[in-house]
Amino acid sequence: MTGREAQYDAVLVTSFGGPEKNEDVMPFLENVLRGKNVPRERMLQVAEHYYQFGGKSPINEQNRRLIAALERELAEHGPQLRVYWGNRNWHPMLAETLVKMKRDGVRRALGFVTSAYSSYSGCRQYRENITAAQAAAGEGAPQVDKLRVFHNHPGFVEALAARVNDALLQLPEEQRAAAQLVYTAHSIPAAMAQGCDYAEQLRETGRLVAERLGCENWRVVYQSRSGPATQPWLEPDVLDYLREYKAQGNEAAVVIAPIGFVSDHMEVIFDLDMQAKAVCDELGLTMVRAATVGTHPRFIRMIRELIGERMDPSLPRLACGVLPVRPDFCPVDCCLPGARPVGR
């Protein structure tokens, strides 16, 4: 083990979290929406989505599989680091995990957040959550250095392209060439989008995936908005777009690819597999939904590569496309909840 490798002794996987049973749903949603201007009626609507599935989100089980795959990857290829898991909104909560890490003697950890893009909710808020968890754990809490966002890492792009290609292959051969790739991501308030590169990064990732597949017919749309109707959010909404697509006379099949997500959690299942599928059926559009990267081997290897580049500066910082590699440590005014300050 080199001196550089000795700088870190663990990896902290941090995710959104999700309920495991009906009794968890409302406390979980209260955690998610605390301090946000979301009407209670909207919270109750979202709760019904979970109740349809027995109150259990698939996200926790998917994170367990991701962590198991990462542990195997690190055990086989190194570096030899312990892997911990802490969530933003449900158990295991970050504060609980930081206490456990402290008890285990972890001093410095690398943080992998299951969000590929730059935004307040996808990056900065996780850093704030980790800082709050460190404070709750008290003196001796481990330092956690977050790994960079990875929207343009070749491992992410290759894994996404493989998932989209699998979806295309589900279409009859005569429909594949004309099919449109409809990329989706979680919408965010327009004011928040002005303070980060979220929308630009999504477009770049979509372009890179389409380029890899030799497809020129693609579009980025959004899903899962939760704010009041008076507040502008990124558009178009996927359901509105599908109706517009059909109204323009398009008959070609659509492959919906949720590139804004790394796992098939509740918003993907409800908003796409149920709502978008129902709209496509109503419109007479053939629809196939691509899987998220999940535990695709190239995605798991990407996590190891991100760990490796941070531990050994001589290793390349892999990226593709035209956007720059994001820095390891974000500027103090990066990805603020509102618009970027004048002059930035």
Protein backbone atom coordinates (compact mmCIF):
# COMPACT_ATOMS: atom_id res chain seq x y z
CA MET A 1 0.00 0.00 0.00
CA THR A 2 1.39 3.39 -0.99
CA GLY A 3 1.30 6.49 1.13
CA ARG A 4 -1.39 7.91 -1.05
CA GLU A 5 -3.62 4.89 -0.54
CA ALA A 6 -3.18 5.17 3.22
CA GLN A 7 -4.86 8.58 3.13
CA TYR A 8 -8.30 6.97 3.06
CA ASP A 9 -9.66 3.99 4.93
CA ALA A 10 -13.30 3.81 3.80
CA VAL A 11 -15.90 4.69 1.18
CA LEU A 12 -19.22 6.23 2.19
CA VAL A 13 -22.05 5.56 -0.27
CA THR A 14 -24.71 8.23 0.18
CA SER A 15 -28.15 8.09 -1.40
CA PHE A 16 -31.64 9.54 -1.16
CA GLY A 17 -33.19 6.75 0.88
CA GLY A 18 -36.69 5.37 0.78
CA PRO A 19 -39.37 3.79 2.99
CA GLU A 20 -39.50 0.04 3.53
CA LYS A 21 -43.16 -0.27 4.68
CA ASN A 22 -46.39 1.72 4.87
CA GLU A 23 -45.61 3.09 8.34
CA ASP A 24 -42.39 4.63 7.00
CA VAL A 25 -43.97 6.57 4.15
CA MET A 26 -45.18 9.76 5.85
CA PRO A 27 -42.13 10.18 8.15
CA PHE A 28 -39.91 9.63 5.10
CA LEU A 29 -41.78 12.24 3.02
CA GLU A 30 -41.70 14.70 5.91
CA ASN A 31 -37.91 14.32 5.94
CA VAL A 32 -37.77 14.85 2.17
CA LEU A 33 -39.98 17.93 2.16
CA ARG A 34 -38.94 19.59 5.42
CA GLY A 35 -38.37 23.30 4.79
CA LYS A 36 -39.64 23.13 1.20
CA ASN A 37 -42.60 24.98 -0.23
CA VAL A 38 -44.54 21.88 -1.27
CA PRO A 39 -48.30 21.75 -0.59
CA ARG A 40 -49.40 19.01 1.78
CA GLU A 41 -51.83 17.77 -0.87
CA ARG A 42 -48.85 17.01 -3.09
CA MET A 43 -47.17 15.08 -0.28
CA LEU A 44 -50.32 13.00 0.19
CA GLN A 45 -50.45 12.32 -3.55
CA VAL A 46 -46.86 11.08 -3.52
CA ALA A 47 -47.60 8.94 -0.45
CA GLU A 48 -50.25 7.13 -2.48
CA HIS A 49 -47.59 6.18 -5.02
CA TYR A 50 -45.71 4.32 -2.29
CA TYR A 51 -48.84 2.77 -0.78
CA GLN A 52 -49.55 1.13 -4.14
CA PHE A 53 -46.35 -0.86 -3.59
CA GLY A 54 -46.90 -1.70 0.08
CA GLY A 55 -45.00 1.39 1.21
CA LYS A 56 -41.70 -0.02 -0.02
CA SER A 57 -39.40 1.89 -2.33
CA PRO A 58 -37.01 -0.26 -4.37
CA ILE A 59 -34.15 2.19 -3.83
CA ASN A 60 -32.77 0.69 -0.61
CA GLU A 61 -32.55 -2.83 -2.03
CA GLN A 62 -30.91 -1.46 -5.15
CA ASN A 63 -28.34 0.37 -3.02
CA ARG A 64 -27.64 -2.85 -1.15
CA ARG A 65 -26.91 -4.54 -4.46
CA LEU A 66 -24.73 -1.64 -5.59
CA ILE A 67 -22.73 -1.75 -2.36
CA ALA A 68 -22.27 -5.52 -2.61
CA ALA A 69 -21.03 -5.12 -6.19
CA LEU A 70 -18.66 -2.32 -5.17
CA GLU A 71 -17.29 -4.38 -2.30
CA ARG A 72 -16.56 -7.25 -4.71
CA GLU A 73 -14.94 -4.83 -7.17
CA LEU A 74 -12.67 -3.33 -4.52
CA ALA A 75 -11.83 -6.73 -3.01
CA GLU A 76 -10.76 -8.03 -6.41
CA HIS A 77 -9.00 -4.98 -7.83
CA GLY A 78 -8.32 -2.69 -4.85
CA PRO A 79 -7.95 -0.41 -3.12
CA GLN A 80 -8.93 -2.32 0.01
CA LEU A 81 -11.44 0.03 1.61
CA ARG A 82 -14.41 -0.62 3.87
CA VAL A 83 -17.74 0.47 2.38
CA TYR A 84 -20.40 2.21 4.47
CA TRP A 85 -23.89 3.40 3.55
CA GLY A 86 -25.85 6.41 4.80
CA ASN A 87 -29.00 8.03 3.39
CA ARG A 88 -30.29 11.57 3.30
CA ASN A 89 -33.92 10.83 4.16
CA TRP A 90 -34.32 7.32 5.61
CA HIS A 91 -32.46 4.61 7.46
CA PRO A 92 -29.61 4.01 7.50
CA MET A 93 -29.40 7.76 8.04
CA LEU A 94 -26.13 9.56 7.48
CA ALA A 95 -25.79 10.59 11.13
CA GLU A 96 -26.18 6.96 12.26
CA THR A 97 -23.57 5.85 9.74
CA LEU A 98 -21.05 8.54 10.71
CA VAL A 99 -21.34 7.44 14.35
CA LYS A 100 -20.67 3.83 13.32
CA MET A 101 -17.70 4.89 11.20
CA LYS A 102 -16.30 6.85 14.13
CA ARG A 103 -16.67 3.82 16.41
CA ASP A 104 -14.93 1.67 13.80
CA GLY A 105 -11.96 4.01 13.79
CA VAL A 106 -12.48 5.46 10.33
CA ARG A 107 -10.59 8.71 10.02
CA ARG A 108 -10.90 9.70 6.35
CA ALA A 109 -13.42 8.46 3.83
CA LEU A 110 -14.27 9.11 0.22
CA GLY A 111 -17.93 9.87 -0.40
CA PHE A 112 -19.77 8.46 -3.42
CA VAL A 113 -23.16 10.10 -3.95
CA THR A 114 -25.66 8.33 -6.20
CA SER A 115 -26.22 11.47 -8.28
CA ALA A 116 -24.33 12.05 -11.52
CA TYR A 117 -25.02 15.75 -12.06
CA SER A 118 -24.33 19.17 -10.56
CA SER A 119 -27.26 20.82 -8.80
CA TYR A 120 -28.20 21.91 -5.31
CA SER A 121 -30.28 18.80 -4.57
CA GLY A 122 -27.93 16.44 -6.43
CA CYS A 123 -24.60 17.63 -5.07
CA ARG A 124 -24.36 20.58 -2.69
CA GLN A 125 -27.22 19.41 -0.45
CA TYR A 126 -25.52 16.04 0.00
CA ARG A 127 -22.35 17.82 1.08
CA GLU A 128 -24.41 19.82 3.56
CA ASN A 129 -26.05 16.60 4.81
CA ILE A 130 -22.64 15.01 5.37
CA THR A 131 -21.43 18.09 7.26
CA ALA A 132 -24.53 18.00 9.49
CA ALA A 133 -24.01 14.28 10.13
CA GLN A 134 -20.40 14.92 11.11
CA ALA A 135 -21.55 17.54 13.59
CA ALA A 136 -24.11 15.11 15.02
CA ALA A 137 -21.43 12.42 15.37
CA GLY A 138 -19.32 14.83 17.40
CA GLU A 139 -15.60 15.10 17.95
CA GLY A 140 -13.63 12.47 16.08
CA ALA A 141 -16.16 12.09 13.26
CA PRO A 142 -14.39 11.03 10.07
CA GLN A 143 -13.52 13.49 7.35
CA VAL A 144 -15.48 12.74 4.16
CA ASP A 145 -14.25 13.97 0.79
CA LYS A 146 -16.96 13.72 -1.85
CA LEU A 147 -16.01 12.22 -5.22
CA ARG A 148 -16.68 14.43 -8.24
CA VAL A 149 -19.88 14.32 -10.28
CA PHE A 150 -19.60 11.80 -13.08
CA HIS A 151 -22.13 12.71 -15.80
CA ASN A 152 -19.41 12.65 -18.48
CA HIS A 153 -17.29 9.80 -17.14
CA PRO A 154 -16.91 7.19 -19.90
CA GLY A 155 -17.98 4.46 -17.48
CA PHE A 156 -21.33 6.16 -16.87
CA VAL A 157 -21.86 6.94 -20.56
CA GLU A 158 -20.96 3.39 -21.62
CA ALA A 159 -23.27 1.83 -19.03
CA LEU A 160 -26.13 4.14 -20.06
CA ALA A 161 -25.56 3.34 -23.74
CA ALA A 162 -25.67 -0.38 -22.98
CA ARG A 163 -28.98 0.00 -21.13
CA VAL A 164 -30.49 2.08 -23.94
CA ASN A 165 -29.27 -0.37 -26.55
CA ASP A 166 -30.90 -3.22 -24.60
CA ALA A 167 -34.16 -1.26 -24.74
CA LEU A 168 -33.84 -0.62 -28.47
CA LEU A 169 -33.38 -4.33 -29.03
CA GLN A 170 -36.80 -4.92 -27.45
CA LEU A 171 -38.37 -3.12 -30.42
CA PRO A 172 -39.09 -4.94 -33.67
CA GLU A 173 -36.10 -4.48 -35.96
CA GLU A 174 -38.07 -2.39 -38.43
CA GLN A 175 -38.92 0.16 -35.67
CA ARG A 176 -35.44 0.70 -34.21
CA ALA A 177 -33.95 3.11 -36.74
CA ALA A 178 -36.82 5.60 -36.46
CA ALA A 179 -37.32 5.34 -32.68
CA GLN A 180 -36.77 8.50 -30.66
CA LEU A 181 -34.68 8.44 -27.50
CA VAL A 182 -36.52 10.41 -24.82
CA TYR A 183 -34.14 11.09 -21.95
CA THR A 184 -35.70 11.97 -18.60
CA ALA A 185 -34.36 13.53 -15.43
CA HIS A 186 -35.90 14.94 -12.28
CA SER A 187 -37.10 18.48 -12.86
CA ILE A 188 -35.79 21.22 -10.58
CA PRO A 189 -36.92 24.84 -10.06
CA ALA A 190 -35.79 27.15 -12.86
CA ALA A 191 -34.10 29.43 -10.32
CA MET A 192 -32.07 26.50 -9.01
CA ALA A 193 -31.14 25.48 -12.55
CA GLN A 194 -29.73 28.96 -13.17
CA GLY A 195 -27.23 28.39 -10.36
CA CYS A 196 -25.73 25.17 -11.72
CA ASP A 197 -24.86 23.24 -14.87
CA TYR A 198 -27.54 20.56 -14.42
CA ALA A 199 -29.45 21.09 -17.68
CA GLU A 200 -26.26 21.52 -19.73
CA GLN A 201 -24.77 18.35 -18.27
CA LEU A 202 -27.93 16.37 -19.02
CA ARG A 203 -27.87 17.50 -22.63
CA GLU A 204 -24.20 16.56 -22.91
CA THR A 205 -24.76 13.11 -21.42
CA GLY A 206 -27.72 12.57 -23.73
CA ARG A 207 -25.63 13.61 -26.72
CA LEU A 208 -22.77 11.31 -25.73
CA VAL A 209 -25.07 8.32 -25.32
CA ALA A 210 -26.84 9.01 -28.63
CA GLU A 211 -23.51 9.47 -30.40
CA ARG A 212 -22.27 6.16 -29.07
CA LEU A 213 -25.41 4.47 -30.40
CA GLY A 214 -25.33 6.28 -33.74
CA CYS A 215 -28.69 7.94 -33.05
CA GLU A 216 -29.52 11.52 -34.03
CA ASN A 217 -33.16 11.50 -32.87
CA TRP A 218 -33.20 12.33 -29.16
CA ARG A 219 -34.63 14.80 -26.68
CA VAL A 220 -34.14 15.64 -22.96
CA VAL A 221 -37.35 16.07 -20.96
CA TYR A 222 -38.18 16.18 -17.26
CA GLN A 223 -40.32 14.37 -14.72
CA SER A 224 -41.39 14.33 -11.07
CA ARG A 225 -41.77 18.07 -10.43
CA SER A 226 -43.15 18.73 -6.95
CA GLY A 227 -43.33 22.50 -6.46
CA PRO A 228 -46.39 24.78 -6.66
CA ALA A 229 -47.77 25.48 -10.13
CA THR A 230 -46.83 29.16 -9.78
CA GLN A 231 -43.11 28.31 -9.55
CA PRO A 232 -41.31 27.71 -12.88
CA TRP A 233 -39.53 24.35 -13.15
CA LEU A 234 -37.50 22.84 -15.96
CA GLU A 235 -39.70 21.69 -18.84
CA PRO A 236 -41.10 20.00 -20.84
CA ASP A 237 -42.65 17.39 -18.59
CA VAL A 238 -42.37 13.92 -20.07
CA LEU A 239 -46.14 13.39 -20.22
CA ASP A 240 -46.71 16.73 -21.94
CA TYR A 241 -43.91 15.97 -24.36
CA LEU A 242 -45.33 12.59 -25.34
CA ARG A 243 -48.68 14.20 -26.15
CA GLU A 244 -46.94 16.93 -28.14
CA TYR A 245 -44.85 14.33 -29.98
CA LYS A 246 -47.96 12.47 -31.07
CA ALA A 247 -49.85 15.68 -31.94
CA GLN A 248 -47.07 16.61 -34.36
CA GLY A 249 -47.88 13.48 -36.33
CA ASN A 250 -45.08 11.28 -35.06
CA GLU A 251 -45.79 7.56 -35.12
CA ALA A 252 -42.29 6.24 -34.37
CA ALA A 253 -41.70 4.30 -31.16
CA VAL A 254 -40.10 6.01 -28.16
CA VAL A 255 -37.41 4.63 -25.89
CA ILE A 256 -37.62 6.44 -22.56
CA ALA A 257 -34.26 6.47 -20.81
CA PRO A 258 -34.10 7.93 -17.26
CA ILE A 259 -30.49 9.14 -17.54
CA GLY A 260 -31.00 11.49 -14.59
CA PHE A 261 -31.24 8.52 -12.21
CA VAL A 262 -28.81 5.72 -11.38
CA SER A 263 -31.40 3.27 -10.02
CA ASP A 264 -34.97 2.25 -10.86
CA HIS A 265 -36.53 3.78 -7.76
CA MET A 266 -40.11 4.87 -7.09
CA GLU A 267 -40.17 7.98 -9.30
CA VAL A 268 -38.88 5.96 -12.24
CA ILE A 269 -41.39 3.17 -11.69
CA PHE A 270 -44.43 5.38 -11.04
CA ASP A 271 -43.76 8.30 -13.38
CA LEU A 272 -42.48 6.25 -16.31
CA ASP A 273 -43.55 2.62 -16.03
CA MET A 274 -47.06 3.59 -14.97
CA GLN A 275 -47.90 7.17 -16.01
CA ALA A 276 -45.82 7.52 -19.18
CA LYS A 277 -46.76 4.01 -20.28
CA ALA A 278 -50.46 4.83 -19.78
CA VAL A 279 -50.12 7.99 -21.90
CA CYS A 280 -48.31 6.07 -24.66
CA ASP A 281 -51.00 3.40 -24.63
CA GLU A 282 -53.67 6.11 -24.86
CA LEU A 283 -51.85 7.73 -27.79
CA GLY A 284 -51.09 4.48 -29.56
CA LEU A 285 -47.31 4.99 -29.23
CA THR A 286 -44.99 2.03 -28.80
CA MET A 287 -42.85 2.65 -25.71
CA VAL A 288 -39.94 0.82 -24.16
CA ARG A 289 -38.30 2.04 -20.97
CA ALA A 290 -34.53 1.63 -20.64
CA ALA A 291 -33.15 0.45 -17.32
CA THR A 292 -30.93 2.73 -15.25
CA VAL A 293 -27.25 1.86 -14.84
CA GLY A 294 -27.89 0.09 -11.51
CA THR A 295 -25.12 -2.45 -11.00
CA HIS A 296 -23.90 -2.55 -14.58
CA PRO A 297 -20.27 -3.74 -14.39
CA ARG A 298 -18.95 -0.68 -16.23
CA PHE A 299 -20.72 1.62 -13.75
CA ILE A 300 -19.28 -0.25 -10.76
CA ARG A 301 -15.81 -0.07 -12.32
CA MET A 302 -16.38 3.66 -12.80
CA ILE A 303 -16.81 4.08 -9.04
CA ARG A 304 -13.51 2.29 -8.49
CA GLU A 305 -11.87 4.55 -11.08
CA LEU A 306 -13.19 7.66 -9.33
CA ILE A 307 -11.77 6.35 -6.06
CA GLY A 308 -8.45 5.56 -7.74
CA GLU A 309 -8.01 8.99 -9.32
CA ARG A 310 -8.59 10.72 -5.97
CA MET A 311 -6.15 8.47 -4.13
CA ASP A 312 -3.46 8.60 -6.82
CA PRO A 313 -3.14 11.94 -8.66
CA SER A 314 -0.97 10.29 -11.32
CA LEU A 315 -4.01 8.39 -12.64
CA PRO A 316 -6.05 10.00 -15.45
CA ARG A 317 -9.26 11.88 -14.67
CA LEU A 318 -11.46 10.15 -17.22
CA ALA A 319 -14.09 12.18 -19.05
CA CYS A 320 -15.58 12.40 -22.52
CA GLY A 321 -17.36 15.11 -24.47
CA VAL A 322 -16.73 18.84 -24.45
CA LEU A 323 -17.59 19.84 -20.87
CA PRO A 324 -14.72 20.09 -18.39
CA VAL A 325 -14.03 17.57 -15.66
CA ARG A 326 -15.58 18.85 -12.45
CA PRO A 327 -13.20 19.75 -9.62
CA ASP A 328 -12.71 17.51 -6.61
CA PHE A 329 -13.65 20.32 -4.24
CA CYS A 330 -16.53 22.59 -5.20
CA PRO A 331 -16.32 26.41 -4.97
CA VAL A 332 -18.10 27.88 -1.95
CA ASP A 333 -20.86 29.39 -4.13
CA CYS A 334 -21.32 26.34 -6.35
CA CYS A 335 -24.85 24.96 -6.95
CA LEU A 336 -26.69 27.35 -4.64
CA PRO A 337 -30.45 26.77 -4.15
CA GLY A 338 -31.22 29.92 -6.16
CA ALA A 339 -29.71 31.57 -9.20
CA ARG A 340 -25.96 31.99 -9.60
CA PRO A 341 -24.72 35.36 -8.27
CA VAL A 342 -24.15 38.16 -10.80
CA GLY A 343 -20.71 37.86 -12.37
CA ARG A 344 -20.53 34.05 -12.29
